[in-house]
């Protein structure tokens, strides 16, 4: 999946992990009626921004186990969970994954 260049401006304007940003991304991601690519982008952003929010991990795990999700969404979710794991282990610089 392509890296999204819009993530960096969001981080710069609101700050990584800002609760308003994370809440908006969770809302967009969790709505099954949201366009596929918006959900993918939201999952990707949550992987970058949601490391300190347990609701993010819960929503991503729920989506990963939902077989009704498109494969693109599941792939974005798996990537996001991998990013969160790397953050938790302290082996990832947030800026490294953003272009």
Protein backbone atom coordinates (compact mmCIF):
# COMPACT_ATOMS: atom_id res chain seq x y z
CA UNK A 1 0.00 0.00 0.00
CA UNK A 2 1.20 3.46 -0.91
CA UNK A 3 2.32 5.84 1.83
CA UNK A 4 -0.08 8.75 2.25
CA UNK A 5 1.48 12.19 2.03
CA UNK A 6 -1.44 13.86 3.80
CA UNK A 7 -0.62 12.21 7.14
CA UNK A 8 2.30 14.53 7.86
CA UNK A 9 0.24 17.77 7.58
CA UNK A 10 -2.38 16.30 9.95
CA UNK A 11 0.37 15.46 12.44
CA UNK A 12 1.88 18.91 12.12
CA UNK A 13 -1.41 20.74 12.57
CA UNK A 14 -2.97 18.66 15.35
CA UNK A 15 -0.17 16.63 16.85
CA UNK A 16 0.39 12.89 16.85
CA UNK A 17 -2.31 11.10 18.76
CA UNK A 18 -4.52 14.18 19.21
CA UNK A 19 -7.82 12.83 20.52
CA UNK A 20 -9.96 14.84 18.07
CA UNK A 21 -8.00 13.52 15.10
CA UNK A 22 -8.03 9.94 16.37
CA UNK A 23 -11.78 10.15 17.11
CA UNK A 24 -12.54 11.43 13.61
CA UNK A 25 -10.40 8.71 12.04
CA UNK A 26 -12.05 6.02 14.18
CA UNK A 27 -15.49 7.29 13.15
CA UNK A 28 -14.59 7.23 9.44
CA UNK A 29 -12.89 3.86 9.72
CA UNK A 30 -15.63 2.17 11.73
CA UNK A 31 -18.48 3.19 9.44
CA UNK A 32 -19.05 0.33 7.00
CA UNK A 33 -20.78 2.77 4.61
CA UNK A 34 -17.64 4.88 4.29
CA UNK A 35 -15.89 4.47 0.94
CA UNK A 36 -13.32 1.66 0.83
CA UNK A 37 -10.34 3.93 0.19
CA UNK A 38 -11.32 6.34 2.95
CA UNK A 39 -11.42 3.41 5.38
CA UNK A 40 -8.00 2.26 4.15
CA UNK A 41 -6.55 5.74 4.57
CA UNK A 42 -8.10 6.05 8.03
CA UNK A 43 -6.63 2.69 9.08
CA UNK A 44 -3.21 3.76 7.81
CA UNK A 45 -3.42 7.05 9.70
CA UNK A 46 -4.56 5.27 12.87
CA UNK A 47 -1.46 3.10 12.62
CA UNK A 48 0.60 6.28 12.60
CA UNK A 49 -1.33 8.31 15.18
CA UNK A 50 -3.14 5.97 17.53
CA UNK A 51 -0.37 4.27 19.45
CA UNK A 52 -1.53 5.50 22.85
CA UNK A 53 -5.26 4.92 22.33
CA UNK A 54 -6.62 1.47 23.29
CA UNK A 55 -9.82 2.16 21.30
CA UNK A 56 -7.71 2.20 18.13
CA UNK A 57 -6.32 -1.29 18.73
CA UNK A 58 -9.78 -2.58 19.62
CA UNK A 59 -11.37 -1.15 16.45
CA UNK A 60 -8.56 -2.47 14.25
CA UNK A 61 -8.70 -5.96 15.76
CA UNK A 62 -12.48 -6.02 15.34
CA UNK A 63 -12.13 -5.01 11.68
CA UNK A 64 -9.41 -7.59 11.07
CA UNK A 65 -11.67 -10.38 12.30
CA UNK A 66 -14.64 -9.13 10.24
CA UNK A 67 -14.63 -11.23 7.08
CA UNK A 68 -17.15 -8.88 5.44
CA UNK A 69 -14.42 -6.25 5.04
CA UNK A 70 -12.76 -5.88 1.65
CA UNK A 71 -9.27 -7.31 1.34
CA UNK A 72 -7.86 -3.80 0.88
CA UNK A 73 -9.30 -2.74 4.25
CA UNK A 74 -7.99 -5.88 5.92
CA UNK A 75 -4.53 -5.24 4.43
CA UNK A 76 -4.53 -1.64 5.71
CA UNK A 77 -5.67 -2.86 9.14
CA UNK A 78 -2.91 -5.47 9.30
CA UNK A 79 -0.34 -2.82 8.34
CA UNK A 80 -1.70 -0.41 10.98
CA UNK A 81 -1.56 -3.07 13.69
CA UNK A 82 2.03 -3.81 12.70
CA UNK A 83 2.89 -0.12 13.04
CA UNK A 84 1.27 0.04 16.46
CA UNK A 85 3.24 -3.02 17.55
CA UNK A 86 6.46 -1.40 16.40
CA UNK A 87 5.58 1.77 18.34
CA UNK A 88 4.84 -0.31 21.45
CA UNK A 89 8.21 -2.01 21.17
CA UNK A 90 9.92 1.33 20.71
CA UNK A 91 11.50 0.20 17.46
CA UNK A 92 9.91 2.76 15.16
CA UNK A 93 10.31 6.47 14.65
CA UNK A 94 6.90 7.96 13.70
CA UNK A 95 8.53 10.17 11.07
CA UNK A 96 10.23 7.17 9.42
CA UNK A 97 6.92 5.79 8.09
CA UNK A 98 5.68 9.11 6.71
CA UNK A 99 6.77 10.56 3.41
